[in-house]
């Protein structure tokens, strides 16, 4: 008996980094960095925690 080649292997493409996914990742990292910088600057101004408000003078 001859067996027919009835394999149904589907070749799947490797996931590749999309341009928009890359831009979204860079934007997210920039937002995280900006939040850290603002929190650090606020810590220097208030002399307390990073999310405490400065007293008005």
C-alpha atoms as a PDB file:
ATOM      1  CA  UNK A   1       0.000   0.000   0.000  1.00  0.00           C
ATOM      2  CA  UNK A   2       1.272   3.392  -0.912  1.00  0.00           C
ATOM      3  CA  UNK A   3       0.605   6.095   1.603  1.00  0.00           C
ATOM      4  CA  UNK A   4      -0.252   9.522   0.296  1.00  0.00           C
ATOM      5  CA  UNK A   5       1.421  12.556   1.797  1.00  0.00           C
ATOM      6  CA  UNK A   6      -1.491  13.970   3.745  1.00  0.00           C
ATOM      7  CA  UNK A   7       0.388  16.160   6.135  1.00  0.00           C
ATOM      8  CA  UNK A   8      -1.366  19.364   6.984  1.00  0.00           C
ATOM      9  CA  UNK A   9       1.602  21.217   8.439  1.00  0.00           C
ATOM     10  CA  UNK A  10       1.006  24.918   8.284  1.00  0.00           C
ATOM     11  CA  UNK A  11       4.112  27.034   8.135  1.00  0.00           C
ATOM     12  CA  UNK A  12       3.787  29.975  10.448  1.00  0.00           C
ATOM     13  CA  UNK A  13       5.799  33.136  10.091  1.00  0.00           C
ATOM     14  CA  UNK A  14       7.983  34.216  12.968  1.00  0.00           C
ATOM     15  CA  UNK A  15       6.576  37.210  14.836  1.00  0.00           C
ATOM     16  CA  UNK A  16       8.410  40.322  13.717  1.00  0.00           C
ATOM     17  CA  UNK A  17       8.578  43.701  15.342  1.00  0.00           C
ATOM     18  CA  UNK A  18       6.127  46.003  13.626  1.00  0.00           C
ATOM     19  CA  UNK A  19       7.134  49.647  13.103  1.00  0.00           C
ATOM     20  CA  UNK A  20       4.136  50.858  15.085  1.00  0.00           C
ATOM     21  CA  UNK A  21       4.857  48.427  17.899  1.00  0.00           C
ATOM     22  CA  UNK A  22       8.409  49.756  18.060  1.00  0.00           C
ATOM     23  CA  UNK A  23       7.191  53.361  18.152  1.00  0.00           C
ATOM     24  CA  UNK A  24       4.673  52.524  20.866  1.00  0.00           C
ATOM     25  CA  UNK A  25       7.389  50.851  22.932  1.00  0.00           C
ATOM     26  CA  UNK A  26       9.707  53.859  22.593  1.00  0.00           C
ATOM     27  CA  UNK A  27       6.885  56.243  23.519  1.00  0.00           C
ATOM     28  CA  UNK A  28       6.013  54.170  26.588  1.00  0.00           C
ATOM     29  CA  UNK A  29       9.637  54.147  27.741  1.00  0.00           C
ATOM     30  CA  UNK A  30       9.843  57.917  27.272  1.00  0.00           C
ATOM     31  CA  UNK A  31       6.689  58.420  29.367  1.00  0.00           C
ATOM     32  CA  UNK A  32       8.109  56.254  32.149  1.00  0.00           C
ATOM     33  CA  UNK A  33      11.406  58.175  32.044  1.00  0.00           C
ATOM     34  CA  UNK A  34       9.604  61.530  32.077  1.00  0.00           C
ATOM     35  CA  UNK A  35       7.504  60.493  35.085  1.00  0.00           C
ATOM     36  CA  UNK A  36      10.654  59.445  36.933  1.00  0.00           C
ATOM     37  CA  UNK A  37      12.375  62.755  36.129  1.00  0.00           C
ATOM     38  CA  UNK A  38       9.369  64.796  37.280  1.00  0.00           C
ATOM     39  CA  UNK A  39       9.148  62.763  40.500  1.00  0.00           C
ATOM     40  CA  UNK A  40      12.878  63.305  41.113  1.00  0.00           C
ATOM     41  CA  UNK A  41      12.576  67.056  40.486  1.00  0.00           C
ATOM     42  CA  UNK A  42       9.585  67.213  42.839  1.00  0.00           C
ATOM     43  CA  UNK A  43      11.574  65.407  45.515  1.00  0.00           C
ATOM     44  CA  UNK A  44      14.315  68.026  45.219  1.00  0.00           C
ATOM     45  CA  UNK A  45      11.818  70.904  45.465  1.00  0.00           C
ATOM     46  CA  UNK A  46       9.742  69.633  48.390  1.00  0.00           C
ATOM     47  CA  UNK A  47      12.471  67.872  50.340  1.00  0.00           C
ATOM     48  CA  UNK A  48       9.960  65.116  51.052  1.00  0.00           C
ATOM     49  CA  UNK A  49       8.526  62.257  49.013  1.00  0.00           C
ATOM     50  CA  UNK A  50       8.335  62.339  45.222  1.00  0.00           C
ATOM     51  CA  UNK A  51       4.564  62.879  45.120  1.00  0.00           C
ATOM     52  CA  UNK A  52       4.151  65.379  47.967  1.00  0.00           C
ATOM     53  CA  UNK A  53       2.956  68.854  47.115  1.00  0.00           C
ATOM     54  CA  UNK A  54       5.137  71.875  47.743  1.00  0.00           C
ATOM     55  CA  UNK A  55       3.823  74.345  50.280  1.00  0.00           C
ATOM     56  CA  UNK A  56       2.838  77.745  48.916  1.00  0.00           C
ATOM     57  CA  UNK A  57       4.915  80.670  50.061  1.00  0.00           C
END
